Amino acid sequence: MALNGHCYIQENYLVAVVAMGRVVIRKEEFLPGAPMESKRGVRDWKIIYPETGFENKTLVLGLVEVDPGHRTPLHRHNCEEVYYILEGEGEVEVEGERYKVRAGDAVYIKENLKHRIFNTHPEKTLRYIAVGGIMLVGLLPKWPTPSPYEILE
């Protein structure tokens, strides 16, 4: 039986899935178009977001890919954010100070700090998971809202 066209479940799981909301998203369902894509060479996939069918209230999860020699735009937002570097190497800039990062590293960025990430590897794509708090801009009852990101360049 299909539920909202997103998953196929056995009858004995129907009640649990309806009560819990969406639990799993497949890679082919990730959505492009997050604000980091304002820079060429950056792909920012929305994974756990209201737009992808989740009922999340406090956190969002995305996957960001930065091509060699490219960077995300300088930006800030009113929530904390953490990155986990999956592949590649680069530099995270926070308030003008740069920190080297590579696969296996984790990064913490406090709210309202200007930041961006550079891919410094000549050949490998920099890939990282980004987890942030849902930004306090009155998200409900309307989602998506105008971007809570402040792109600074």
N, C-alpha and C. Protein backbone atom coordinates (compact mmCIF):
# COMPACT_ATOMS: atom_id res chain seq x y z
N MET A 1 0.84 -1.18 0.00
CA MET A 1 0.00 0.00 0.00
C MET A 1 0.89 1.24 0.00
N ALA A 2 0.58 2.24 -0.82
CA ALA A 2 1.37 3.47 -0.88
C ALA A 2 0.81 4.49 0.10
N LEU A 3 1.69 5.24 0.73
CA LEU A 3 1.29 6.30 1.65
C LEU A 3 1.88 7.59 1.14
N ASN A 4 1.06 8.53 0.72
CA ASN A 4 1.51 9.82 0.18
C ASN A 4 2.50 9.67 -0.97
N GLY A 5 2.48 8.52 -1.65
CA GLY A 5 3.36 8.33 -2.79
C GLY A 5 4.84 8.25 -2.44
N HIS A 6 5.20 8.23 -1.17
CA HIS A 6 6.61 8.26 -0.78
C HIS A 6 7.16 6.91 -0.35
N CYS A 7 6.34 6.08 0.27
CA CYS A 7 6.88 4.82 0.76
C CYS A 7 5.85 3.72 0.58
N TYR A 8 6.33 2.51 0.56
CA TYR A 8 5.47 1.34 0.45
C TYR A 8 5.62 0.56 1.73
N ILE A 9 4.51 0.26 2.33
CA ILE A 9 4.56 -0.37 3.64
C ILE A 9 3.67 -1.59 3.67
N GLN A 10 3.95 -2.48 4.60
CA GLN A 10 3.08 -3.61 4.84
C GLN A 10 1.97 -3.16 5.76
N GLU A 11 0.84 -3.82 5.66
CA GLU A 11 -0.33 -3.38 6.40
C GLU A 11 -0.08 -3.25 7.90
N ASN A 12 0.68 -4.16 8.49
CA ASN A 12 0.89 -4.09 9.93
C ASN A 12 1.75 -2.90 10.36
N TYR A 13 2.39 -2.19 9.41
CA TYR A 13 3.18 -1.00 9.74
C TYR A 13 2.43 0.30 9.49
N LEU A 14 1.29 0.24 8.86
CA LEU A 14 0.56 1.43 8.46
C LEU A 14 0.27 2.36 9.64
N VAL A 15 -0.23 1.87 10.71
CA VAL A 15 -0.59 2.71 11.85
C VAL A 15 0.64 3.40 12.42
N ALA A 16 1.76 2.68 12.57
CA ALA A 16 2.98 3.26 13.13
C ALA A 16 3.51 4.38 12.24
N VAL A 17 3.52 4.19 10.93
CA VAL A 17 4.04 5.22 10.03
C VAL A 17 3.16 6.45 10.06
N VAL A 18 1.86 6.28 10.05
CA VAL A 18 0.94 7.42 10.10
C VAL A 18 1.12 8.18 11.41
N ALA A 19 1.28 7.49 12.52
CA ALA A 19 1.42 8.14 13.82
C ALA A 19 2.76 8.87 13.94
N MET A 20 3.83 8.34 13.36
CA MET A 20 5.15 8.91 13.51
C MET A 20 5.49 9.93 12.44
N GLY A 21 4.78 9.96 11.34
CA GLY A 21 5.16 10.82 10.23
C GLY A 21 6.26 10.15 9.42
N ARG A 22 6.82 10.88 8.51
CA ARG A 22 7.85 10.32 7.64
C ARG A 22 9.10 9.98 8.44
N VAL A 23 9.73 8.87 8.11
CA VAL A 23 10.91 8.41 8.84
C VAL A 23 12.13 8.32 7.93
N VAL A 24 11.98 7.90 6.68
CA VAL A 24 13.10 7.64 5.78
C VAL A 24 12.91 8.43 4.48
N ILE A 25 14.02 8.92 3.94
CA ILE A 25 14.01 9.56 2.63
C ILE A 25 15.08 8.87 1.78
N ARG A 26 14.76 8.62 0.53
CA ARG A 26 15.71 8.01 -0.40
C ARG A 26 16.51 9.10 -1.11
N LYS A 27 17.72 8.78 -1.49
CA LYS A 27 18.62 9.75 -2.13
C LYS A 27 17.97 10.45 -3.32
N GLU A 28 17.21 9.72 -4.10
CA GLU A 28 16.57 10.31 -5.28
C GLU A 28 15.48 11.32 -4.93
N GLU A 29 15.11 11.41 -3.65
CA GLU A 29 14.11 12.36 -3.21
C GLU A 29 14.70 13.65 -2.63
N PHE A 30 16.03 13.71 -2.46
CA PHE A 30 16.66 14.92 -1.96
C PHE A 30 16.32 16.07 -2.90
N LEU A 31 16.15 17.27 -2.34
CA LEU A 31 15.77 18.43 -3.15
C LEU A 31 16.92 19.42 -3.28
N PRO A 32 17.21 19.87 -4.50
CA PRO A 32 18.19 20.94 -4.68
C PRO A 32 17.53 22.29 -4.42
N GLY A 33 18.32 23.35 -4.50
CA GLY A 33 17.76 24.69 -4.47
C GLY A 33 17.92 25.45 -3.18
N ALA A 34 18.72 24.95 -2.24
CA ALA A 34 18.95 25.69 -1.00
C ALA A 34 19.85 26.90 -1.31
N PRO A 35 19.89 27.89 -0.41
CA PRO A 35 20.59 29.15 -0.68
C PRO A 35 22.07 29.04 -1.04
N MET A 36 22.75 28.00 -0.59
CA MET A 36 24.18 27.88 -0.90
C MET A 36 24.41 27.74 -2.40
N GLU A 37 23.39 27.35 -3.14
CA GLU A 37 23.53 27.17 -4.58
C GLU A 37 23.57 28.49 -5.34
N SER A 38 23.55 29.60 -4.62
CA SER A 38 23.70 30.89 -5.30
C SER A 38 25.11 31.05 -5.87
N LYS A 39 26.04 30.23 -5.42
CA LYS A 39 27.42 30.23 -5.94
C LYS A 39 27.59 29.06 -6.91
N ARG A 40 28.23 29.34 -8.05
CA ARG A 40 28.55 28.30 -9.02
C ARG A 40 29.45 27.25 -8.36
N GLY A 41 29.26 25.98 -8.69
CA GLY A 41 30.12 24.92 -8.16
C GLY A 41 29.68 24.41 -6.81
N VAL A 42 28.47 24.80 -6.36
CA VAL A 42 27.96 24.35 -5.06
C VAL A 42 26.60 23.70 -5.26
N ARG A 43 26.44 22.52 -4.67
CA ARG A 43 25.14 21.84 -4.65
C ARG A 43 24.75 21.65 -3.19
N ASP A 44 23.56 22.05 -2.84
CA ASP A 44 23.08 22.01 -1.45
C ASP A 44 21.77 21.24 -1.44
N TRP A 45 21.83 19.99 -1.03
CA TRP A 45 20.67 19.10 -1.06
C TRP A 45 19.89 19.17 0.24
N LYS A 46 18.60 19.46 0.15
CA LYS A 46 17.71 19.42 1.31
C LYS A 46 17.32 17.96 1.52
N ILE A 47 17.58 17.46 2.73
CA ILE A 47 17.28 16.06 3.04
C ILE A 47 16.16 15.97 4.07
N ILE A 48 16.43 16.32 5.30
CA ILE A 48 15.39 16.31 6.33
C ILE A 48 14.92 17.75 6.48
N TYR A 49 13.85 18.09 5.78
CA TYR A 49 13.27 19.44 5.75
C TYR A 49 11.75 19.29 5.65
N PRO A 50 10.99 20.27 6.07
CA PRO A 50 9.55 20.21 5.83
C PRO A 50 9.22 20.02 4.34
N GLU A 51 10.03 20.60 3.45
CA GLU A 51 9.77 20.47 2.00
C GLU A 51 9.90 19.03 1.51
N THR A 52 10.63 18.20 2.23
CA THR A 52 10.79 16.81 1.80
C THR A 52 9.82 15.89 2.55
N GLY A 53 8.87 16.47 3.23
CA GLY A 53 7.79 15.68 3.83
C GLY A 53 7.97 15.31 5.29
N PHE A 54 8.94 15.90 5.96
CA PHE A 54 9.15 15.59 7.37
C PHE A 54 8.43 16.60 8.25
N GLU A 55 8.12 16.18 9.46
CA GLU A 55 7.44 17.05 10.43
C GLU A 55 8.45 17.60 11.44
N ASN A 56 9.68 17.84 11.00
CA ASN A 56 10.72 18.31 11.90
C ASN A 56 10.38 19.71 12.42
N LYS A 57 10.71 19.92 13.69
CA LYS A 57 10.40 21.19 14.34
C LYS A 57 11.63 21.95 14.80
N THR A 58 12.76 21.27 15.00
CA THR A 58 13.92 21.96 15.56
C THR A 58 15.19 21.82 14.73
N LEU A 59 15.32 20.80 13.88
CA LEU A 59 16.55 20.57 13.14
C LEU A 59 16.27 20.34 11.66
N VAL A 60 17.25 20.69 10.83
CA VAL A 60 17.24 20.33 9.42
C VAL A 60 18.58 19.67 9.10
N LEU A 61 18.58 18.82 8.06
CA LEU A 61 19.78 18.12 7.65
C LEU A 61 19.93 18.27 6.15
N GLY A 62 21.13 18.65 5.73
CA GLY A 62 21.42 18.78 4.31
C GLY A 62 22.76 18.17 3.96
N LEU A 63 22.96 18.00 2.68
CA LEU A 63 24.23 17.52 2.14
C LEU A 63 24.73 18.58 1.18
N VAL A 64 25.97 19.04 1.40
CA VAL A 64 26.54 20.09 0.55
C VAL A 64 27.74 19.52 -0.18
N GLU A 65 27.83 19.84 -1.48
CA GLU A 65 28.96 19.44 -2.31
C GLU A 65 29.55 20.69 -2.93
N VAL A 66 30.86 20.85 -2.75
CA VAL A 66 31.57 22.02 -3.28
C VAL A 66 32.65 21.50 -4.22
N ASP A 67 32.59 21.93 -5.46
CA ASP A 67 33.56 21.49 -6.47
C ASP A 67 34.95 22.06 -6.18
N PRO A 68 36.01 21.40 -6.68
CA PRO A 68 37.37 21.90 -6.49
C PRO A 68 37.50 23.36 -6.92
N GLY A 69 38.15 24.17 -6.06
CA GLY A 69 38.36 25.57 -6.37
C GLY A 69 37.17 26.48 -6.13
N HIS A 70 36.06 25.95 -5.64
CA HIS A 70 34.87 26.75 -5.39
C HIS A 70 34.62 26.90 -3.90
N ARG A 71 33.60 27.70 -3.56
CA ARG A 71 33.26 27.94 -2.15
C ARG A 71 31.79 28.29 -2.03
N THR A 72 31.29 28.14 -0.82
CA THR A 72 29.92 28.57 -0.55
C THR A 72 29.93 30.09 -0.37
N PRO A 73 28.79 30.74 -0.52
CA PRO A 73 28.77 32.18 -0.29
C PRO A 73 28.93 32.52 1.19
N LEU A 74 29.51 33.67 1.46
CA LEU A 74 29.58 34.17 2.82
C LEU A 74 28.15 34.44 3.27
N HIS A 75 27.78 33.91 4.42
CA HIS A 75 26.40 34.06 4.90
C HIS A 75 26.35 33.92 6.42
N ARG A 76 25.17 34.19 6.95
CA ARG A 76 24.92 33.95 8.37
C ARG A 76 23.43 33.67 8.54
N HIS A 77 23.08 33.10 9.68
CA HIS A 77 21.69 32.81 9.99
C HIS A 77 21.55 32.71 11.50
N ASN A 78 20.32 32.80 11.96
CA ASN A 78 20.10 32.90 13.40
C ASN A 78 19.92 31.55 14.09
N CYS A 79 20.70 30.58 13.66
CA CYS A 79 20.72 29.29 14.35
C CYS A 79 22.13 28.73 14.32
N GLU A 80 22.40 27.83 15.25
CA GLU A 80 23.67 27.11 15.24
C GLU A 80 23.68 26.16 14.05
N GLU A 81 24.89 25.76 13.67
CA GLU A 81 25.03 24.81 12.57
C GLU A 81 26.26 23.96 12.83
N VAL A 82 26.17 22.68 12.47
CA VAL A 82 27.33 21.80 12.56
C VAL A 82 27.53 21.14 11.21
N TYR A 83 28.80 20.88 10.88
CA TYR A 83 29.16 20.17 9.66
C TYR A 83 29.91 18.92 10.06
N TYR A 84 29.73 17.87 9.27
CA TYR A 84 30.59 16.69 9.36
C TYR A 84 31.14 16.47 7.96
N ILE A 85 32.47 16.52 7.84
CA ILE A 85 33.12 16.42 6.54
C ILE A 85 33.21 14.94 6.13
N LEU A 86 32.54 14.63 5.02
CA LEU A 86 32.51 13.25 4.52
C LEU A 86 33.69 12.94 3.61
N GLU A 87 33.99 13.88 2.69
CA GLU A 87 35.05 13.66 1.70
C GLU A 87 35.73 14.98 1.39
N GLY A 88 37.01 14.89 1.01
CA GLY A 88 37.73 16.06 0.55
C GLY A 88 38.41 16.83 1.67
N GLU A 89 38.83 18.04 1.31
CA GLU A 89 39.49 18.91 2.27
C GLU A 89 39.22 20.36 1.88
N GLY A 90 39.35 21.22 2.85
CA GLY A 90 39.09 22.63 2.58
C GLY A 90 39.37 23.48 3.78
N GLU A 91 38.77 24.66 3.76
CA GLU A 91 38.90 25.60 4.87
C GLU A 91 37.54 26.19 5.18
N VAL A 92 37.19 26.19 6.45
CA VAL A 92 35.99 26.86 6.92
C VAL A 92 36.42 28.23 7.41
N GLU A 93 35.75 29.26 6.94
CA GLU A 93 36.01 30.62 7.40
C GLU A 93 34.85 31.04 8.30
N VAL A 94 35.19 31.46 9.52
CA VAL A 94 34.19 31.94 10.48
C VAL A 94 34.66 33.29 10.98
N GLU A 95 33.84 34.32 10.71
CA GLU A 95 34.17 35.70 11.11
C GLU A 95 35.58 36.08 10.65
N GLY A 96 35.95 35.69 9.43
CA GLY A 96 37.22 36.08 8.84
C GLY A 96 38.41 35.20 9.19
N GLU A 97 38.24 34.26 10.11
CA GLU A 97 39.33 33.36 10.49
C GLU A 97 39.12 32.01 9.82
N ARG A 98 40.20 31.47 9.24
CA ARG A 98 40.10 30.21 8.50
C ARG A 98 40.64 29.04 9.31
N TYR A 99 39.95 27.89 9.14
CA TYR A 99 40.31 26.65 9.83
C TYR A 99 40.34 25.53 8.79
N LYS A 100 41.44 24.78 8.75
CA LYS A 100 41.55 23.66 7.81
C LYS A 100 40.64 22.53 8.26
N VAL A 101 39.99 21.86 7.27
CA VAL A 101 39.14 20.71 7.55
C VAL A 101 39.41 19.63 6.51
N ARG A 102 39.16 18.40 6.91
CA ARG A 102 39.30 17.26 5.99
C ARG A 102 38.31 16.18 6.41
N ALA A 103 38.19 15.15 5.60
CA ALA A 103 37.25 14.06 5.87
C ALA A 103 37.42 13.55 7.30
N GLY A 104 36.30 13.41 8.00
CA GLY A 104 36.30 12.94 9.39
C GLY A 104 36.23 14.05 10.41
N ASP A 105 36.46 15.31 10.00
CA ASP A 105 36.39 16.43 10.93
C ASP A 105 34.96 16.90 11.12
N ALA A 106 34.71 17.53 12.26
CA ALA A 106 33.41 18.14 12.55
C ALA A 106 33.63 19.61 12.86
N VAL A 107 32.63 20.43 12.55
CA VAL A 107 32.71 21.89 12.70
C VAL A 107 31.47 22.38 13.43
N TYR A 108 31.65 23.30 14.37
CA TYR A 108 30.53 23.94 15.07
C TYR A 108 30.56 25.44 14.77
N ILE A 109 29.43 25.99 14.36
CA ILE A 109 29.32 27.42 14.06
C ILE A 109 28.16 28.00 14.88
N LYS A 110 28.47 28.97 15.72
CA LYS A 110 27.43 29.62 16.53
C LYS A 110 26.51 30.45 15.64
N GLU A 111 25.34 30.74 16.14
CA GLU A 111 24.36 31.54 15.40
C GLU A 111 24.89 32.94 15.12
N ASN A 112 24.45 33.49 13.98
CA ASN A 112 24.74 34.86 13.54
C ASN A 112 26.21 35.16 13.25
N LEU A 113 27.05 34.15 13.11
CA LEU A 113 28.44 34.37 12.71
C LEU A 113 28.55 34.23 11.19
N LYS A 114 29.28 35.14 10.56
CA LYS A 114 29.51 35.06 9.11
C LYS A 114 30.43 33.89 8.83
N HIS A 115 30.04 33.05 7.87
CA HIS A 115 30.85 31.88 7.57
C HIS A 115 30.67 31.42 6.13
N ARG A 116 31.64 30.62 5.68
CA ARG A 116 31.60 29.97 4.37
C ARG A 116 32.65 28.86 4.40
N ILE A 117 32.63 28.02 3.38
CA ILE A 117 33.60 26.93 3.31
C ILE A 117 34.19 26.88 1.91
N PHE A 118 35.50 26.71 1.84
CA PHE A 118 36.25 26.66 0.60
C PHE A 118 36.70 25.22 0.34
N ASN A 119 36.62 24.78 -0.91
CA ASN A 119 37.24 23.52 -1.29
C ASN A 119 38.64 23.84 -1.79
N THR A 120 39.65 23.38 -1.07
CA THR A 120 41.04 23.69 -1.43
C THR A 120 41.73 22.55 -2.18
N HIS A 121 41.03 21.45 -2.38
CA HIS A 121 41.63 20.31 -3.08
C HIS A 121 41.54 20.55 -4.59
N PRO A 122 42.61 20.27 -5.33
CA PRO A 122 42.60 20.55 -6.78
C PRO A 122 41.71 19.60 -7.60
N GLU A 123 41.35 18.43 -7.04
CA GLU A 123 40.62 17.45 -7.83
C GLU A 123 39.36 16.90 -7.18
N LYS A 124 39.32 16.81 -5.86
CA LYS A 124 38.21 16.15 -5.17
C LYS A 124 37.10 17.12 -4.77
N THR A 125 35.88 16.65 -4.90
CA THR A 125 34.73 17.41 -4.40
C THR A 125 34.73 17.35 -2.88
N LEU A 126 34.46 18.47 -2.24
CA LEU A 126 34.29 18.54 -0.79
C LEU A 126 32.83 18.23 -0.51
N ARG A 127 32.57 17.20 0.28
CA ARG A 127 31.20 16.82 0.62
C ARG A 127 31.05 16.83 2.13
N TYR A 128 29.97 17.47 2.61
CA TYR A 128 29.74 17.48 4.05
C TYR A 128 28.26 17.49 4.37
N ILE A 129 27.96 16.94 5.52
CA ILE A 129 26.61 16.97 6.08
C ILE A 129 26.51 18.25 6.89
N ALA A 130 25.41 18.96 6.73
CA ALA A 130 25.15 20.17 7.52
C ALA A 130 23.86 19.95 8.31
N VAL A 131 23.95 20.17 9.62
CA VAL A 131 22.79 20.09 10.49
C VAL A 131 22.63 21.45 11.14
N GLY A 132 21.45 22.01 11.01
CA GLY A 132 21.19 23.32 11.59
C GLY A 132 19.87 23.34 12.32
N GLY A 133 19.72 24.32 13.19
CA GLY A 133 18.43 24.52 13.83
C GLY A 133 17.50 25.16 12.83
N ILE A 134 16.23 24.82 12.91
CA ILE A 134 15.27 25.52 12.07
C ILE A 134 15.31 26.97 12.50
N MET A 135 15.48 27.86 11.54
CA MET A 135 15.71 29.27 11.85
C MET A 135 14.45 29.95 12.35
N LEU A 136 14.61 30.73 13.37
CA LEU A 136 13.46 31.32 14.06
C LEU A 136 12.90 32.51 13.29
N VAL A 137 12.12 32.21 12.26
CA VAL A 137 11.54 33.26 11.43
C VAL A 137 10.04 33.06 11.25
N GLY A 138 9.42 32.39 12.20
CA GLY A 138 8.00 32.15 12.07
C GLY A 138 7.70 31.18 10.94
N LEU A 139 8.25 29.98 11.00
CA LEU A 139 8.12 29.03 9.91
C LEU A 139 6.69 28.53 9.73
N LEU A 140 5.99 28.38 10.80
CA LEU A 140 4.64 27.84 10.71
C LEU A 140 3.62 28.95 10.92
N PRO A 141 2.48 28.93 10.27
CA PRO A 141 1.95 27.80 9.53
C PRO A 141 2.38 27.74 8.07
N LYS A 142 3.21 28.68 7.59
CA LYS A 142 3.61 28.68 6.18
C LYS A 142 5.04 28.17 6.03
N TRP A 143 5.22 27.18 5.18
CA TRP A 143 6.55 26.68 4.85
C TRP A 143 6.53 26.37 3.37
N PRO A 144 7.52 26.65 2.57
CA PRO A 144 8.74 27.35 2.99
C PRO A 144 8.52 28.85 3.13
N THR A 145 9.33 29.44 3.95
CA THR A 145 9.28 30.88 4.15
C THR A 145 10.29 31.52 3.21
N PRO A 146 10.26 32.85 3.08
CA PRO A 146 11.38 33.50 2.39
C PRO A 146 12.66 33.12 3.14
N SER A 147 13.76 33.08 2.44
CA SER A 147 15.00 32.56 3.02
C SER A 147 15.39 33.27 4.31
N PRO A 148 15.63 32.49 5.36
CA PRO A 148 16.14 33.08 6.60
C PRO A 148 17.63 33.29 6.56
N TYR A 149 18.28 32.88 5.47
CA TYR A 149 19.71 33.12 5.29
C TYR A 149 19.95 34.56 4.90
N GLU A 150 21.01 35.11 5.39
CA GLU A 150 21.46 36.41 4.92
C GLU A 150 22.72 36.17 4.12
N ILE A 151 22.60 36.19 2.79
CA ILE A 151 23.75 36.00 1.92
C ILE A 151 24.47 37.35 1.84
N LEU A 152 25.75 37.36 2.13
CA LEU A 152 26.50 38.61 2.29
C LEU A 152 27.37 38.97 1.10
N GLU A 153 27.24 38.25 -0.01
CA GLU A 153 28.03 38.58 -1.19
C GLU A 153 27.27 38.22 -2.44
